């Protein structure tokens, strides 16, 4: 992006599958909905974020480390380290 940030457009479709193997809804959200958003990473400062505007002006930004220094690399933490690594280890 020319300002130390990398970005990629993400298109994500979420499917919900019931116990019988058929698609279902979850908490009123229908299966198969697609959303588009931008994933951002500041490689030198180890931040990652996402937003709907390509310039990052609405992005929610997080650090890729927990307070104790561990990488945020689990599902409950949003796998922030892996998202940062994917953007920062790829050619810009």
C-alpha atoms as a PDB file:
ATOM      1  CA  UNK A   1       0.000   0.000   0.000  1.00  0.00           C
ATOM      2  CA  UNK A   2       3.048   2.257   0.151  1.00  0.00           C
ATOM      3  CA  UNK A   3       2.640   3.058   3.845  1.00  0.00           C
ATOM      4  CA  UNK A   4       4.140  -0.084   5.401  1.00  0.00           C
ATOM      5  CA  UNK A   5       0.900  -2.046   5.250  1.00  0.00           C
ATOM      6  CA  UNK A   6       0.091  -5.060   3.058  1.00  0.00           C
ATOM      7  CA  UNK A   7      -3.475  -5.966   2.114  1.00  0.00           C
ATOM      8  CA  UNK A   8      -5.495  -8.637   0.371  1.00  0.00           C
ATOM      9  CA  UNK A   9      -9.183  -8.817  -0.545  1.00  0.00           C
ATOM     10  CA  UNK A  10     -10.878 -11.772   1.162  1.00  0.00           C
ATOM     11  CA  UNK A  11     -14.107 -13.337  -0.081  1.00  0.00           C
ATOM     12  CA  UNK A  12     -15.532 -15.638   2.566  1.00  0.00           C
ATOM     13  CA  UNK A  13     -18.572 -17.899   2.422  1.00  0.00           C
ATOM     14  CA  UNK A  14     -19.888 -19.465   5.617  1.00  0.00           C
ATOM     15  CA  UNK A  15     -21.818 -22.731   5.521  1.00  0.00           C
ATOM     16  CA  UNK A  16     -23.722 -24.288   8.414  1.00  0.00           C
ATOM     17  CA  UNK A  17     -24.257 -28.058   8.329  1.00  0.00           C
ATOM     18  CA  UNK A  18     -26.664 -29.854  10.642  1.00  0.00           C
ATOM     19  CA  UNK A  19     -26.157 -33.253  12.310  1.00  0.00           C
ATOM     20  CA  UNK A  20     -27.826 -34.956   9.350  1.00  0.00           C
ATOM     21  CA  UNK A  21     -25.297 -33.441   6.920  1.00  0.00           C
ATOM     22  CA  UNK A  22     -27.666 -30.975   5.288  1.00  0.00           C
ATOM     23  CA  UNK A  23     -27.186 -27.211   5.183  1.00  0.00           C
ATOM     24  CA  UNK A  24     -29.057 -25.313   7.872  1.00  0.00           C
ATOM     25  CA  UNK A  25     -29.153 -21.886   9.475  1.00  0.00           C
ATOM     26  CA  UNK A  26     -27.465 -20.894  12.728  1.00  0.00           C
ATOM     27  CA  UNK A  27     -29.017 -18.353  15.104  1.00  0.00           C
ATOM     28  CA  UNK A  28     -31.147 -17.078  12.257  1.00  0.00           C
ATOM     29  CA  UNK A  29     -28.218 -16.678   9.848  1.00  0.00           C
ATOM     30  CA  UNK A  30     -28.739 -18.645   6.629  1.00  0.00           C
ATOM     31  CA  UNK A  31     -25.998 -20.907   5.327  1.00  0.00           C
ATOM     32  CA  UNK A  32     -24.070 -19.872   2.216  1.00  0.00           C
ATOM     33  CA  UNK A  33     -23.791 -16.147   2.877  1.00  0.00           C
ATOM     34  CA  UNK A  34     -20.757 -14.494   1.293  1.00  0.00           C
ATOM     35  CA  UNK A  35     -18.955 -11.408   2.541  1.00  0.00           C
ATOM     36  CA  UNK A  36     -16.019  -9.426   1.191  1.00  0.00           C
ATOM     37  CA  UNK A  37     -13.491  -7.602   3.350  1.00  0.00           C
ATOM     38  CA  UNK A  38      -9.862  -6.518   3.332  1.00  0.00           C
ATOM     39  CA  UNK A  39      -7.195  -8.158   5.494  1.00  0.00           C
ATOM     40  CA  UNK A  40      -4.292  -5.861   6.441  1.00  0.00           C
ATOM     41  CA  UNK A  41      -0.882  -6.480   8.000  1.00  0.00           C
ATOM     42  CA  UNK A  42       1.876  -4.131   9.139  1.00  0.00           C
ATOM     43  CA  UNK A  43       4.830  -6.445   8.803  1.00  0.00           C
ATOM     44  CA  UNK A  44       7.483  -4.445  10.679  1.00  0.00           C
ATOM     45  CA  UNK A  45       5.244  -3.582  13.626  1.00  0.00           C
ATOM     46  CA  UNK A  46       3.494  -6.982  13.824  1.00  0.00           C
ATOM     47  CA  UNK A  47      -0.099  -5.798  13.544  1.00  0.00           C
ATOM     48  CA  UNK A  48      -2.967  -7.342  11.599  1.00  0.00           C
ATOM     49  CA  UNK A  49      -6.485  -6.152  10.942  1.00  0.00           C
ATOM     50  CA  UNK A  50      -9.536  -6.224   8.716  1.00  0.00           C
ATOM     51  CA  UNK A  51     -12.053  -3.769   7.348  1.00  0.00           C
ATOM     52  CA  UNK A  52     -14.437  -3.105   4.499  1.00  0.00           C
ATOM     53  CA  UNK A  53     -12.619  -0.091   3.009  1.00  0.00           C
ATOM     54  CA  UNK A  54      -9.572  -0.818   0.831  1.00  0.00           C
ATOM     55  CA  UNK A  55      -7.603   2.062   2.354  1.00  0.00           C
ATOM     56  CA  UNK A  56      -7.883   0.564   5.862  1.00  0.00           C
ATOM     57  CA  UNK A  57      -9.599   3.620   7.323  1.00  0.00           C
ATOM     58  CA  UNK A  58     -12.279   1.473   9.015  1.00  0.00           C
ATOM     59  CA  UNK A  59      -9.990  -1.441   9.916  1.00  0.00           C
ATOM     60  CA  UNK A  60     -10.038  -3.124  13.315  1.00  0.00           C
ATOM     61  CA  UNK A  61      -6.344  -3.605  14.171  1.00  0.00           C
ATOM     62  CA  UNK A  62      -4.842  -6.100  16.657  1.00  0.00           C
ATOM     63  CA  UNK A  63      -1.369  -7.146  17.713  1.00  0.00           C
ATOM     64  CA  UNK A  64      -0.282 -10.672  16.779  1.00  0.00           C
ATOM     65  CA  UNK A  65       0.960 -11.418  20.331  1.00  0.00           C
ATOM     66  CA  UNK A  66      -0.790 -12.041  23.636  1.00  0.00           C
ATOM     67  CA  UNK A  67       0.329  -9.949  26.614  1.00  0.00           C
ATOM     68  CA  UNK A  68       2.579 -12.813  27.775  1.00  0.00           C
ATOM     69  CA  UNK A  69       4.428 -12.806  24.410  1.00  0.00           C
ATOM     70  CA  UNK A  70       2.817 -15.908  22.892  1.00  0.00           C
ATOM     71  CA  UNK A  71       1.688 -15.731  19.271  1.00  0.00           C
ATOM     72  CA  UNK A  72      -2.084 -15.347  18.812  1.00  0.00           C
ATOM     73  CA  UNK A  73      -2.246 -18.541  16.797  1.00  0.00           C
ATOM     74  CA  UNK A  74      -5.388 -20.304  17.987  1.00  0.00           C
ATOM     75  CA  UNK A  75      -8.964 -20.291  16.732  1.00  0.00           C
ATOM     76  CA  UNK A  76     -10.361 -18.426  19.730  1.00  0.00           C
ATOM     77  CA  UNK A  77      -7.834 -15.643  19.185  1.00  0.00           C
ATOM     78  CA  UNK A  78      -8.621 -15.431  15.481  1.00  0.00           C
ATOM     79  CA  UNK A  79      -5.319 -16.950  14.326  1.00  0.00           C
ATOM     80  CA  UNK A  80      -3.928 -13.441  14.004  1.00  0.00           C
ATOM     81  CA  UNK A  81      -0.321 -14.602  13.754  1.00  0.00           C
ATOM     82  CA  UNK A  82      -1.082 -16.877  10.763  1.00  0.00           C
ATOM     83  CA  UNK A  83      -2.961 -14.081   8.990  1.00  0.00           C
ATOM     84  CA  UNK A  84      -0.050 -11.684   9.559  1.00  0.00           C
ATOM     85  CA  UNK A  85       2.476 -14.311   8.448  1.00  0.00           C
ATOM     86  CA  UNK A  86       0.547 -15.046   5.225  1.00  0.00           C
ATOM     87  CA  UNK A  87       0.600 -11.386   4.227  1.00  0.00           C
ATOM     88  CA  UNK A  88       4.106 -10.603   5.418  1.00  0.00           C
ATOM     89  CA  UNK A  89       5.894 -13.638   3.973  1.00  0.00           C
ATOM     90  CA  UNK A  90       4.383 -13.232   0.521  1.00  0.00           C
ATOM     91  CA  UNK A  91       5.794 -10.958  -2.196  1.00  0.00           C
ATOM     92  CA  UNK A  92       4.261  -7.457  -2.046  1.00  0.00           C
END
